[in-house]
Amino acid sequence: MPLSEIDKYIKSFPKTTQILLQEVRTYILNAAPAAEEIISYKMPAYRQNGILVYFAGYANHIGFYPGAAAIKKFGKQISGYKNAKGSVQFPLDKPLPLALITSIVKFRIKEILEKKKLKK
């Protein structure tokens, strides 16, 4: 079976980072099984009625990009991580907050559906 674009992206990192990226990917897909995996802005992204989240590997962290509303909503939970308006950095040398990633993805699904309803 040929590698997907996401598989190729993950394989481009050192082995220990690959494992972490794959964990993030698995938890996103478990939280959003109907989401489509794509590459957008040169990083993995998940689309379901709109972009849910992006993630990316870096030398010292994994960047997770759920948008400004999610960062605001989960501000207390992500306060121990470096974060900005629409992003959070999970250091490679600490356990990933996988339950938090799941909660954020589920929040994004609801948020996008609410916005869609308001447009109708």
PDB file of N, CA and C in Angstrom:
ATOM      1  N   MET A   1       0.845  -1.183   0.000  1.00  0.00           N
ATOM      2  CA  MET A   1       0.000   0.000   0.000  1.00  0.00           C
ATOM      3  C   MET A   1       0.893   1.250   0.000  1.00  0.00           C
ATOM      4  N   PRO A   2       0.641   2.184  -0.901  1.00  0.00           N
ATOM      5  CA  PRO A   2       1.490   3.388  -0.951  1.00  0.00           C
ATOM      6  C   PRO A   2       1.273   4.269   0.284  1.00  0.00           C
ATOM      7  N   LEU A   3       2.321   4.967   0.678  1.00  0.00           N
ATOM      8  CA  LEU A   3       2.238   5.865   1.827  1.00  0.00           C
ATOM      9  C   LEU A   3       1.382   7.080   1.486  1.00  0.00           C
ATOM     10  N   SER A   4       0.553   7.493   2.431  1.00  0.00           N
ATOM     11  CA  SER A   4      -0.224   8.718   2.243  1.00  0.00           C
ATOM     12  C   SER A   4       0.704   9.918   2.439  1.00  0.00           C
ATOM     13  N   GLU A   5       0.213  11.091   2.096  1.00  0.00           N
ATOM     14  CA  GLU A   5       0.999  12.318   2.300  1.00  0.00           C
ATOM     15  C   GLU A   5       1.306  12.521   3.792  1.00  0.00           C
ATOM     16  N   ILE A   6       0.363  12.149   4.642  1.00  0.00           N
ATOM     17  CA  ILE A   6       0.574  12.290   6.090  1.00  0.00           C
ATOM     18  C   ILE A   6       1.666  11.318   6.548  1.00  0.00           C
ATOM     19  N   ASP A   7       1.621  10.065   6.041  1.00  0.00           N
ATOM     20  CA  ASP A   7       2.659   9.083   6.382  1.00  0.00           C
ATOM     21  C   ASP A   7       4.036   9.603   5.968  1.00  0.00           C
ATOM     22  N   LYS A   8       4.126  10.147   4.761  1.00  0.00           N
ATOM     23  CA  LYS A   8       5.404  10.681   4.268  1.00  0.00           C
ATOM     24  C   LYS A   8       5.882  11.828   5.160  1.00  0.00           C
ATOM     25  N   TYR A   9       4.948  12.696   5.545  1.00  0.00           N
ATOM     26  CA  TYR A   9       5.289  13.813   6.425  1.00  0.00           C
ATOM     27  C   TYR A   9       5.885  13.285   7.732  1.00  0.00           C
ATOM     28  N   ILE A  10       5.191  12.359   8.369  1.00  0.00           N
ATOM     29  CA  ILE A  10       5.641  11.814   9.653  1.00  0.00           C
ATOM     30  C   ILE A  10       6.994  11.111   9.502  1.00  0.00           C
ATOM     31  N   LYS A  11       7.182  10.362   8.432  1.00  0.00           N
ATOM     32  CA  LYS A  11       8.436   9.625   8.213  1.00  0.00           C
ATOM     33  C   LYS A  11       9.633  10.547   8.007  1.00  0.00           C
ATOM     34  N   SER A  12       9.388  11.822   7.733  1.00  0.00           N
ATOM     35  CA  SER A  12      10.490  12.762   7.506  1.00  0.00           C
ATOM     36  C   SER A  12      11.152  13.225   8.813  1.00  0.00           C
ATOM     37  N   PHE A  13      10.634  12.785   9.959  1.00  0.00           N
ATOM     38  CA  PHE A  13      11.155  13.198  11.267  1.00  0.00           C
ATOM     39  C   PHE A  13      11.952  12.081  11.925  1.00  0.00           C
ATOM     40  N   PRO A  14      12.787  12.424  12.919  1.00  0.00           N
ATOM     41  CA  PRO A  14      13.497  11.385  13.682  1.00  0.00           C
ATOM     42  C   PRO A  14      12.490  10.411  14.313  1.00  0.00           C
ATOM     43  N   LYS A  15      12.935   9.190  14.547  1.00  0.00           N
ATOM     44  CA  LYS A  15      12.058   8.109  15.014  1.00  0.00           C
ATOM     45  C   LYS A  15      11.244   8.495  16.252  1.00  0.00           C
ATOM     46  N   THR A  16      11.878   9.108  17.253  1.00  0.00           N
ATOM     47  CA  THR A  16      11.136   9.452  18.474  1.00  0.00           C
ATOM     48  C   THR A  16      10.035  10.480  18.190  1.00  0.00           C
ATOM     49  N   THR A  17      10.307  11.420  17.299  1.00  0.00           N
ATOM     50  CA  THR A  17       9.298  12.413  16.922  1.00  0.00           C
ATOM     51  C   THR A  17       8.201  11.751  16.097  1.00  0.00           C
ATOM     52  N   GLN A  18       8.568  10.810  15.240  1.00  0.00           N
ATOM     53  CA  GLN A  18       7.568  10.082  14.443  1.00  0.00           C
ATOM     54  C   GLN A  18       6.528   9.420  15.350  1.00  0.00           C
ATOM     55  N   ILE A  19       7.003   8.812  16.430  1.00  0.00           N
ATOM     56  CA  ILE A  19       6.097   8.125  17.355  1.00  0.00           C
ATOM     57  C   ILE A  19       5.097   9.116  17.956  1.00  0.00           C
ATOM     58  N   LEU A  20       5.588  10.271  18.361  1.00  0.00           N
ATOM     59  CA  LEU A  20       4.713  11.291  18.949  1.00  0.00           C
ATOM     60  C   LEU A  20       3.731  11.844  17.922  1.00  0.00           C
ATOM     61  N   LEU A  21       4.220  12.109  16.720  1.00  0.00           N
ATOM     62  CA  LEU A  21       3.336  12.613  15.665  1.00  0.00           C
ATOM     63  C   LEU A  21       2.244  11.591  15.345  1.00  0.00           C
ATOM     64  N   GLN A  22       2.616  10.330  15.311  1.00  0.00           N
ATOM     65  CA  GLN A  22       1.640   9.281  15.028  1.00  0.00           C
ATOM     66  C   GLN A  22       0.597   9.202  16.143  1.00  0.00           C
ATOM     67  N   GLU A  23       1.031   9.410  17.386  1.00  0.00           N
ATOM     68  CA  GLU A  23       0.081   9.424  18.508  1.00  0.00           C
ATOM     69  C   GLU A  23      -0.923  10.563  18.353  1.00  0.00           C
ATOM     70  N   VAL A  24      -0.428  11.752  18.025  1.00  0.00           N
ATOM     71  CA  VAL A  24      -1.319  12.899  17.813  1.00  0.00           C
ATOM     72  C   VAL A  24      -2.313  12.561  16.705  1.00  0.00           C
ATOM     73  N   ARG A  25      -1.822  12.031  15.611  1.00  0.00           N
ATOM     74  CA  ARG A  25      -2.665  11.658  14.480  1.00  0.00           C
ATOM     75  C   ARG A  25      -3.748  10.668  14.907  1.00  0.00           C
ATOM     76  N   THR A  26      -3.360   9.638  15.640  1.00  0.00           N
ATOM     77  CA  THR A  26      -4.306   8.613  16.082  1.00  0.00           C
ATOM     78  C   THR A  26      -5.399   9.213  16.958  1.00  0.00           C
ATOM     79  N   TYR A  27      -5.014  10.056  17.890  1.00  0.00           N
ATOM     80  CA  TYR A  27      -6.005  10.654  18.792  1.00  0.00           C
ATOM     81  C   TYR A  27      -6.931  11.613  18.059  1.00  0.00           C
ATOM     82  N   ILE A  28      -6.413  12.347  17.090  1.00  0.00           N
ATOM     83  CA  ILE A  28      -7.275  13.220  16.286  1.00  0.00           C
ATOM     84  C   ILE A  28      -8.298  12.371  15.533  1.00  0.00           C
ATOM     85  N   LEU A  29      -7.821  11.314  14.882  1.00  0.00           N
ATOM     86  CA  LEU A  29      -8.735  10.466  14.106  1.00  0.00           C
ATOM     87  C   LEU A  29      -9.738   9.739  14.992  1.00  0.00           C
ATOM     88  N   ASN A  30      -9.336   9.348  16.189  1.00  0.00           N
ATOM     89  CA  ASN A  30     -10.287   8.720  17.112  1.00  0.00           C
ATOM     90  C   ASN A  30     -11.366   9.709  17.553  1.00  0.00           C
ATOM     91  N   ALA A  31     -10.986  10.969  17.734  1.00  0.00           N
ATOM     92  CA  ALA A  31     -11.938  12.005  18.148  1.00  0.00           C
ATOM     93  C   ALA A  31     -12.825  12.454  16.981  1.00  0.00           C
ATOM     94  N   ALA A  32     -12.303  12.334  15.770  1.00  0.00           N
ATOM     95  CA  ALA A  32     -13.030  12.792  14.573  1.00  0.00           C
ATOM     96  C   ALA A  32     -12.915  11.738  13.469  1.00  0.00           C
ATOM     97  N   PRO A  33     -13.572  10.580  13.668  1.00  0.00           N
ATOM     98  CA  PRO A  33     -13.415   9.490  12.690  1.00  0.00           C
ATOM     99  C   PRO A  33     -13.898   9.823  11.278  1.00  0.00           C
ATOM    100  N   ALA A  34     -14.763  10.814  11.145  1.00  0.00           N
ATOM    101  CA  ALA A  34     -15.260  11.193   9.821  1.00  0.00           C
ATOM    102  C   ALA A  34     -14.371  12.231   9.135  1.00  0.00           C
ATOM    103  N   ALA A  35     -13.352  12.700   9.843  1.00  0.00           N
ATOM    104  CA  ALA A  35     -12.484  13.746   9.285  1.00  0.00           C
ATOM    105  C   ALA A  35     -11.614  13.200   8.152  1.00  0.00           C
ATOM    106  N   GLU A  36     -11.367  14.062   7.202  1.00  0.00           N
ATOM    107  CA  GLU A  36     -10.493  13.740   6.068  1.00  0.00           C
ATOM    108  C   GLU A  36      -9.091  14.258   6.381  1.00  0.00           C
ATOM    109  N   GLU A  37      -8.090  13.409   6.160  1.00  0.00           N
ATOM    110  CA  GLU A  37      -6.706  13.827   6.362  1.00  0.00           C
ATOM    111  C   GLU A  37      -6.191  14.491   5.092  1.00  0.00           C
ATOM    112  N   ILE A  38      -5.630  15.669   5.236  1.00  0.00           N
ATOM    113  CA  ILE A  38      -5.058  16.385   4.101  1.00  0.00           C
ATOM    114  C   ILE A  38      -3.753  17.043   4.543  1.00  0.00           C
ATOM    115  N   ILE A  39      -2.998  17.516   3.568  1.00  0.00           N
ATOM    116  CA  ILE A  39      -1.853  18.379   3.854  1.00  0.00           C
ATOM    117  C   ILE A  39      -2.282  19.788   3.452  1.00  0.00           C
ATOM    118  N   SER A  40      -2.145  20.717   4.384  1.00  0.00           N
ATOM    119  CA  SER A  40      -2.492  22.106   4.134  1.00  0.00           C
ATOM    120  C   SER A  40      -1.428  22.958   4.816  1.00  0.00           C
ATOM    121  N   TYR A  41      -0.975  23.990   4.158  1.00  0.00           N
ATOM    122  CA  TYR A  41       0.126  24.797   4.682  1.00  0.00           C
ATOM    123  C   TYR A  41       1.336  23.919   5.017  1.00  0.00           C
ATOM    124  N   LYS A  42       1.556  22.878   4.229  1.00  0.00           N
ATOM    125  CA  LYS A  42       2.683  21.941   4.364  1.00  0.00           C
ATOM    126  C   LYS A  42       2.677  21.166   5.679  1.00  0.00           C
ATOM    127  N   MET A  43       1.495  21.008   6.296  1.00  0.00           N
ATOM    128  CA  MET A  43       1.402  20.205   7.517  1.00  0.00           C
ATOM    129  C   MET A  43       0.101  19.404   7.509  1.00  0.00           C
ATOM    130  N   PRO A  44       0.051  18.323   8.296  1.00  0.00           N
ATOM    131  CA  PRO A  44      -1.173  17.534   8.377  1.00  0.00           C
ATOM    132  C   PRO A  44      -2.334  18.375   8.906  1.00  0.00           C
ATOM    133  N   ALA A  45      -3.479  18.191   8.271  1.00  0.00           N
ATOM    134  CA  ALA A  45      -4.687  18.896   8.686  1.00  0.00           C
ATOM    135  C   ALA A  45      -5.857  17.923   8.611  1.00  0.00           C
ATOM    136  N   TYR A  46      -6.905  18.241   9.343  1.00  0.00           N
ATOM    137  CA  TYR A  46      -8.090  17.383   9.407  1.00  0.00           C
ATOM    138  C   TYR A  46      -9.301  18.229   9.096  1.00  0.00           C
ATOM    139  N   ARG A  47     -10.064  17.760   8.085  1.00  0.00           N
ATOM    140  CA  ARG A  47     -11.195  18.543   7.577  1.00  0.00           C
ATOM    141  C   ARG A  47     -12.488  17.763   7.795  1.00  0.00           C
ATOM    142  N   GLN A  48     -13.452  18.450   8.380  1.00  0.00           N
ATOM    143  CA  GLN A  48     -14.797  17.900   8.565  1.00  0.00           C
ATOM    144  C   GLN A  48     -15.729  19.099   8.645  1.00  0.00           C
ATOM    145  N   ASN A  49     -16.375  19.423   7.562  1.00  0.00           N
ATOM    146  CA  ASN A  49     -17.198  20.635   7.441  1.00  0.00           C
ATOM    147  C   ASN A  49     -16.354  21.898   7.568  1.00  0.00           C
ATOM    148  N   GLY A  50     -15.067  21.767   7.431  1.00  0.00           N
ATOM    149  CA  GLY A  50     -14.099  22.849   7.592  1.00  0.00           C
ATOM    150  C   GLY A  50     -12.867  22.256   8.266  1.00  0.00           C
ATOM    151  N   ILE A  51     -11.803  23.037   8.345  1.00  0.00           N
ATOM    152  CA  ILE A  51     -10.582  22.533   8.985  1.00  0.00           C
ATOM    153  C   ILE A  51     -10.783  22.469  10.490  1.00  0.00           C
ATOM    154  N   LEU A  52     -10.541  21.288  11.054  1.00  0.00           N
ATOM    155  CA  LEU A  52     -10.645  21.109  12.505  1.00  0.00           C
ATOM    156  C   LEU A  52      -9.357  21.563  13.185  1.00  0.00           C
ATOM    157  N   VAL A  53      -8.253  20.910  12.832  1.00  0.00           N
ATOM    158  CA  VAL A  53      -6.959  21.194  13.449  1.00  0.00           C
ATOM    159  C   VAL A  53      -5.839  20.876  12.460  1.00  0.00           C
ATOM    160  N   TYR A  54      -4.688  21.441  12.745  1.00  0.00           N
ATOM    161  CA  TYR A  54      -3.430  21.116  12.066  1.00  0.00           C
ATOM    162  C   TYR A  54      -2.460  20.662  13.147  1.00  0.00           C
ATOM    163  N   PHE A  55      -1.436  19.919  12.741  1.00  0.00           N
ATOM    164  CA  PHE A  55      -0.320  19.685  13.653  1.00  0.00           C
ATOM    165  C   PHE A  55       0.956  19.630  12.833  1.00  0.00           C
ATOM    166  N   ALA A  56       2.089  19.833  13.512  1.00  0.00           N
ATOM    167  CA  ALA A  56       3.364  19.852  12.808  1.00  0.00           C
ATOM    168  C   ALA A  56       4.498  19.489  13.757  1.00  0.00           C
ATOM    169  N   GLY A  57       5.506  18.851  13.208  1.00  0.00           N
ATOM    170  CA  GLY A  57       6.682  18.498  13.989  1.00  0.00           C
ATOM    171  C   GLY A  57       7.756  19.560  13.853  1.00  0.00           C
ATOM    172  N   TYR A  58       8.484  19.775  14.934  1.00  0.00           N
ATOM    173  CA  TYR A  58       9.608  20.712  14.965  1.00  0.00           C
ATOM    174  C   TYR A  58      10.742  20.066  15.749  1.00  0.00           C
ATOM    175  N   ALA A  59      11.860  20.726  15.822  1.00  0.00           N
ATOM    176  CA  ALA A  59      13.036  20.165  16.493  1.00  0.00           C
ATOM    177  C   ALA A  59      12.795  19.873  17.970  1.00  0.00           C
ATOM    178  N   ASN A  60      12.047  20.750  18.648  1.00  0.00           N
ATOM    179  CA  ASN A  60      11.869  20.599  20.099  1.00  0.00           C
ATOM    180  C   ASN A  60      10.421  20.450  20.566  1.00  0.00           C
ATOM    181  N   HIS A  61       9.478  20.539  19.629  1.00  0.00           N
ATOM    182  CA  HIS A  61       8.073  20.461  20.036  1.00  0.00           C
ATOM    183  C   HIS A  61       7.191  19.984  18.889  1.00  0.00           C
ATOM    184  N   ILE A  62       5.953  19.697  19.241  1.00  0.00           N
ATOM    185  CA  ILE A  62       4.911  19.450  18.240  1.00  0.00           C
ATOM    186  C   ILE A  62       3.969  20.640  18.322  1.00  0.00           C
ATOM    187  N   GLY A  63       3.772  21.277  17.192  1.00  0.00           N
ATOM    188  CA  GLY A  63       2.835  22.387  17.124  1.00  0.00           C
ATOM    189  C   GLY A  63       1.438  21.843  16.876  1.00  0.00           C
ATOM    190  N   PHE A  64       0.467  22.353  17.592  1.00  0.00           N
ATOM    191  CA  PHE A  64      -0.926  21.935  17.444  1.00  0.00           C
ATOM    192  C   PHE A  64      -1.727  23.202  17.221  1.00  0.00           C
ATOM    193  N   TYR A  65      -2.518  23.238  16.158  1.00  0.00           N
ATOM    194  CA  TYR A  65      -3.172  24.460  15.700  1.00  0.00           C
ATOM    195  C   TYR A  65      -4.684  24.277  15.610  1.00  0.00           C
ATOM    196  N   PRO A  66      -5.397  24.510  16.719  1.00  0.00           N
ATOM    197  CA  PRO A  66      -6.848  24.340  16.703  1.00  0.00           C
ATOM    198  C   PRO A  66      -7.632  25.636  16.496  1.00  0.00           C
ATOM    199  N   GLY A  67      -6.953  26.747  16.365  1.00  0.00           N
ATOM    200  CA  GLY A  67      -7.633  28.027  16.193  1.00  0.00           C
ATOM    201  C   GLY A  67      -7.815  28.777  17.508  1.00  0.00           C
ATOM    202  N   ALA A  68      -8.143  30.044  17.371  1.00  0.00           N
ATOM    203  CA  ALA A  68      -8.199  30.958  18.520  1.00  0.00           C
ATOM    204  C   ALA A  68      -9.276  30.592  19.531  1.00  0.00           C
ATOM    205  N   ALA A  69     -10.464  30.196  19.082  1.00  0.00           N
ATOM    206  CA  ALA A  69     -11.554  29.895  20.021  1.00  0.00           C
ATOM    207  C   ALA A  69     -11.200  28.703  20.905  1.00  0.00           C
ATOM    208  N   ALA A  70     -10.568  27.691  20.329  1.00  0.00           N
ATOM    209  CA  ALA A  70     -10.177  26.512  21.112  1.00  0.00           C
ATOM    210  C   ALA A  70      -9.082  26.872  22.120  1.00  0.00           C
ATOM    211  N   ILE A  71      -8.136  27.693  21.706  1.00  0.00           N
ATOM    212  CA  ILE A  71      -7.068  28.109  22.620  1.00  0.00           C
ATOM    213  C   ILE A  71      -7.677  28.883  23.801  1.00  0.00           C
ATOM    214  N   LYS A  72      -8.646  29.738  23.512  1.00  0.00           N
ATOM    215  CA  LYS A  72      -9.306  30.503  24.572  1.00  0.00           C
ATOM    216  C   LYS A  72     -10.098  29.567  25.492  1.00  0.00           C
ATOM    217  N   LYS A  73     -10.876  28.667  24.903  1.00  0.00           N
ATOM    218  CA  LYS A  73     -11.723  27.748  25.682  1.00  0.00           C
ATOM    219  C   LYS A  73     -10.892  26.841  26.600  1.00  0.00           C
ATOM    220  N   PHE A  74      -9.751  26.361  26.102  1.00  0.00           N
ATOM    221  CA  PHE A  74      -8.920  25.437  26.874  1.00  0.00           C
ATOM    222  C   PHE A  74      -7.706  26.131  27.492  1.00  0.00           C
ATOM    223  N   GLY A  75      -7.805  27.441  27.679  1.00  0.00           N
ATOM    224  CA  GLY A  75      -6.698  28.242  28.191  1.00  0.00           C
ATOM    225  C   GLY A  75      -6.085  27.722  29.478  1.00  0.00           C
ATOM    226  N   LYS A  76      -6.941  27.298  30.409  1.00  0.00           N
ATOM    227  CA  LYS A  76      -6.442  26.806  31.699  1.00  0.00           C
ATOM    228  C   LYS A  76      -5.626  25.529  31.496  1.00  0.00           C
ATOM    229  N   GLN A  77      -6.143  24.604  30.666  1.00  0.00           N
ATOM    230  CA  GLN A  77      -5.469  23.327  30.445  1.00  0.00           C
ATOM    231  C   GLN A  77      -4.150  23.474  29.678  1.00  0.00           C
ATOM    232  N   ILE A  78      -4.060  24.481  28.831  1.00  0.00           N
ATOM    233  CA  ILE A  78      -2.820  24.643  28.038  1.00  0.00           C
ATOM    234  C   ILE A  78      -1.872  25.670  28.638  1.00  0.00           C
ATOM    235  N   SER A  79      -2.229  26.220  29.797  1.00  0.00           N
ATOM    236  CA  SER A  79      -1.411  27.294  30.376  1.00  0.00           C
ATOM    237  C   SER A  79       0.015  26.849  30.689  1.00  0.00           C
ATOM    238  N   GLY A  80       0.243  25.562  30.868  1.00  0.00           N
ATOM    239  CA  GLY A  80       1.588  25.067  31.143  1.00  0.00           C
ATOM    240  C   GLY A  80       2.446  24.884  29.906  1.00  0.00           C
ATOM    241  N   TYR A  81       1.858  25.159  28.746  1.00  0.00           N
ATOM    242  CA  TYR A  81       2.575  25.018  27.472  1.00  0.00           C
ATOM    243  C   TYR A  81       2.722  26.381  26.814  1.00  0.00           C
ATOM    244  N   LYS A  82       3.757  26.532  26.024  1.00  0.00           N
ATOM    245  CA  LYS A  82       3.911  27.749  25.234  1.00  0.00           C
ATOM    246  C   LYS A  82       2.745  27.786  24.253  1.00  0.00           C
ATOM    247  N   ASN A  83       2.029  28.906  24.213  1.00  0.00           N
ATOM    248  CA  ASN A  83       0.891  29.005  23.300  1.00  0.00           C
ATOM    249  C   ASN A  83       0.731  30.420  22.783  1.00  0.00           C
ATOM    250  N   ALA A  84      -0.042  30.534  21.730  1.00  0.00           N
ATOM    251  CA  ALA A  84      -0.323  31.828  21.106  1.00  0.00           C
ATOM    252  C   ALA A  84      -1.803  31.842  20.739  1.00  0.00           C
ATOM    253  N   LYS A  85      -2.224  32.825  19.996  1.00  0.00           N
ATOM    254  CA  LYS A  85      -3.642  33.019  19.694  1.00  0.00           C
ATOM    255  C   LYS A  85      -4.321  31.759  19.137  1.00  0.00           C
ATOM    256  N   GLY A  86      -3.683  31.040  18.242  1.00  0.00           N
ATOM    257  CA  GLY A  86      -4.328  29.878  17.640  1.00  0.00           C
ATOM    258  C   GLY A  86      -3.525  28.602  17.719  1.00  0.00           C
ATOM    259  N   SER A  87      -2.490  28.598  18.585  1.00  0.00           N
ATOM    260  CA  SER A  87      -1.591  27.445  18.597  1.00  0.00           C
ATOM    261  C   SER A  87      -1.081  27.132  19.997  1.00  0.00           C
ATOM    262  N   VAL A  88      -0.587  25.902  20.123  1.00  0.00           N
ATOM    263  CA  VAL A  88       0.052  25.478  21.369  1.00  0.00           C
ATOM    264  C   VAL A  88       1.225  24.576  20.995  1.00  0.00           C
ATOM    265  N   GLN A  89       2.276  24.635  21.794  1.00  0.00           N
ATOM    266  CA  GLN A  89       3.469  23.816  21.553  1.00  0.00           C
ATOM    267  C   GLN A  89       3.595  22.766  22.649  1.00  0.00           C
ATOM    268  N   PHE A  90       3.651  21.495  22.225  1.00  0.00           N
ATOM    269  CA  PHE A  90       3.854  20.399  23.156  1.00  0.00           C
ATOM    270  C   PHE A  90       5.309  19.953  23.051  1.00  0.00           C
ATOM    271  N   PRO A  91       6.113  20.145  24.116  1.00  0.00           N
ATOM    272  CA  PRO A  91       7.532  19.779  24.063  1.00  0.00           C
ATOM    273  C   PRO A  91       7.716  18.288  23.805  1.00  0.00           C
ATOM    274  N   LEU A  92       8.762  17.948  23.058  1.00  0.00           N
ATOM    275  CA  LEU A  92       9.037  16.551  22.725  1.00  0.00           C
ATOM    276  C   LEU A  92       9.484  15.743  23.939  1.00  0.00           C
ATOM    277  N   ASP A  93       9.991  16.414  24.956  1.00  0.00           N
ATOM    278  CA  ASP A  93      10.528  15.699  26.122  1.00  0.00           C
ATOM    279  C   ASP A  93       9.522  15.534  27.264  1.00  0.00           C
ATOM    280  N   LYS A  94       8.247  15.831  26.996  1.00  0.00           N
ATOM    281  CA  LYS A  94       7.204  15.650  28.010  1.00  0.00           C
ATOM    282  C   LYS A  94       6.074  14.810  27.396  1.00  0.00           C
ATOM    283  N   PRO A  95       5.318  14.080  28.244  1.00  0.00           N
ATOM    284  CA  PRO A  95       4.209  13.292  27.686  1.00  0.00           C
ATOM    285  C   PRO A  95       3.186  14.188  26.978  1.00  0.00           C
ATOM    286  N   LEU A  96       2.661  13.698  25.868  1.00  0.00           N
ATOM    287  CA  LEU A  96       1.639  14.454  25.149  1.00  0.00           C
ATOM    288  C   LEU A  96       0.332  14.449  25.940  1.00  0.00           C
ATOM    289  N   PRO A  97      -0.392  15.578  25.960  1.00  0.00           N
ATOM    290  CA  PRO A  97      -1.687  15.621  26.643  1.00  0.00           C
ATOM    291  C   PRO A  97      -2.780  15.080  25.703  1.00  0.00           C
ATOM    292  N   LEU A  98      -2.800  13.764  25.533  1.00  0.00           N
ATOM    293  CA  LEU A  98      -3.662  13.152  24.509  1.00  0.00           C
ATOM    294  C   LEU A  98      -5.146  13.346  24.810  1.00  0.00           C
ATOM    295  N   ALA A  99      -5.542  13.290  26.068  1.00  0.00           N
ATOM    296  CA  ALA A  99      -6.950  13.529  26.413  1.00  0.00           C
ATOM    297  C   ALA A  99      -7.340  14.969  26.069  1.00  0.00           C
ATOM    298  N   LEU A 100      -6.425  15.903  26.288  1.00  0.00           N
ATOM    299  CA  LEU A 100      -6.677  17.307  25.948  1.00  0.00           C
ATOM    300  C   LEU A 100      -6.817  17.471  24.436  1.00  0.00           C
ATOM    301  N   ILE A 101      -5.952  16.824  23.671  1.00  0.00           N
ATOM    302  CA  ILE A 101      -6.045  16.880  22.206  1.00  0.00           C
ATOM    303  C   ILE A 101      -7.411  16.363  21.763  1.00  0.00           C
ATOM    304  N   THR A 102      -7.861  15.251  22.342  1.00  0.00           N
ATOM    305  CA  THR A 102      -9.173  14.687  22.020  1.00  0.00           C
ATOM    306  C   THR A 102     -10.273  15.699  22.316  1.00  0.00           C
ATOM    307  N   SER A 103     -10.231  16.311  23.491  1.00  0.00           N
ATOM    308  CA  SER A 103     -11.254  17.292  23.886  1.00  0.00           C
ATOM    309  C   SER A 103     -11.276  18.487  22.941  1.00  0.00           C
ATOM    310  N   ILE A 104     -10.109  18.954  22.553  1.00  0.00           N
ATOM    311  CA  ILE A 104     -10.027  20.110  21.651  1.00  0.00           C
ATOM    312  C   ILE A 104     -10.609  19.756  20.288  1.00  0.00           C
ATOM    313  N   VAL A 105     -10.284  18.578  19.769  1.00  0.00           N
ATOM    314  CA  VAL A 105     -10.816  18.172  18.456  1.00  0.00           C
ATOM    315  C   VAL A 105     -12.343  18.080  18.518  1.00  0.00           C
ATOM    316  N   LYS A 106     -12.874  17.484  19.575  1.00  0.00           N
ATOM    317  CA  LYS A 106     -14.334  17.370  19.711  1.00  0.00           C
ATOM    318  C   LYS A 106     -14.978  18.753  19.832  1.00  0.00           C
ATOM    319  N   PHE A 107     -14.313  19.659  20.542  1.00  0.00           N
ATOM    320  CA  PHE A 107     -14.795  21.038  20.627  1.00  0.00           C
ATOM    321  C   PHE A 107     -14.844  21.672  19.235  1.00  0.00           C
ATOM    322  N   ARG A 108     -13.794  21.459  18.454  1.00  0.00           N
ATOM    323  CA  ARG A 108     -13.735  22.050  17.109  1.00  0.00           C
ATOM    324  C   ARG A 108     -14.852  21.501  16.206  1.00  0.00           C
ATOM    325  N   ILE A 109     -15.168  20.224  16.325  1.00  0.00           N
ATOM    326  CA  ILE A 109     -16.267  19.651  15.534  1.00  0.00           C
ATOM    327  C   ILE A 109     -17.558  20.396  15.858  1.00  0.00           C
ATOM    328  N   LYS A 110     -17.848  20.559  17.161  1.00  0.00           N
ATOM    329  CA  LYS A 110     -19.063  21.263  17.586  1.00  0.00           C
ATOM    330  C   LYS A 110     -19.046  22.720  17.135  1.00  0.00           C
ATOM    331  N   GLU A 111     -17.892  23.364  17.294  1.00  0.00           N
ATOM    332  CA  GLU A 111     -17.767  24.776  16.926  1.00  0.00           C
ATOM    333  C   GLU A 111     -18.074  24.991  15.442  1.00  0.00           C
ATOM    334  N   ILE A 112     -17.521  24.140  14.607  1.00  0.00           N
ATOM    335  CA  ILE A 112     -17.744  24.279  13.162  1.00  0.00           C
ATOM    336  C   ILE A 112     -19.208  24.010  12.804  1.00  0.00           C
ATOM    337  N   LEU A 113     -19.812  23.003  13.441  1.00  0.00           N
ATOM    338  CA  LEU A 113     -21.230  22.722  13.186  1.00  0.00           C
ATOM    339  C   LEU A 113     -22.112  23.887  13.616  1.00  0.00           C
ATOM    340  N   GLU A 114     -21.787  24.503  14.754  1.00  0.00           N
ATOM    341  CA  GLU A 114     -22.562  25.665  15.224  1.00  0.00           C
ATOM    342  C   GLU A 114     -22.455  26.818  14.224  1.00  0.00           C
ATOM    343  N   LYS A 115     -21.251  27.083  13.741  1.00  0.00           N
ATOM    344  CA  LYS A 115     -21.066  28.163  12.766  1.00  0.00           C
ATOM    345  C   LYS A 115     -21.846  27.879  11.491  1.00  0.00           C
ATOM    346  N   LYS A 116     -21.863  26.608  11.096  1.00  0.00           N
ATOM    347  CA  LYS A 116     -22.586  26.202   9.894  1.00  0.00           C
ATOM    348  C   LYS A 116     -24.099  26.436  10.072  1.00  0.00           C
ATOM    349  N   LYS A 117     -24.623  26.094  11.252  1.00  0.00           N
ATOM    350  CA  LYS A 117     -26.044  26.291  11.548  1.00  0.00           C
ATOM    351  C   LYS A 117     -26.402  27.764  11.509  1.00  0.00           C
ATOM    352  N   LEU A 118     -25.523  28.613  12.050  1.00  0.00           N
ATOM    353  CA  LEU A 118     -25.776  30.054  12.088  1.00  0.00           C
ATOM    354  C   LEU A 118     -25.828  30.663  10.684  1.00  0.00           C
ATOM    355  N   LYS A 119     -25.072  30.072   9.754  1.00  0.00           N
ATOM    356  CA  LYS A 119     -25.039  30.590   8.391  1.00  0.00           C
ATOM    357  C   LYS A 119     -26.327  30.282   7.632  1.00  0.00           C
ATOM    358  N   LYS A 120     -27.035  29.239   8.073  1.00  0.00           N
ATOM    359  CA  LYS A 120     -28.255  28.832   7.349  1.00  0.00           C
ATOM    360  C   LYS A 120     -29.436  29.719   7.655  1.00  0.00           C
TER     361      LYS A 120
END
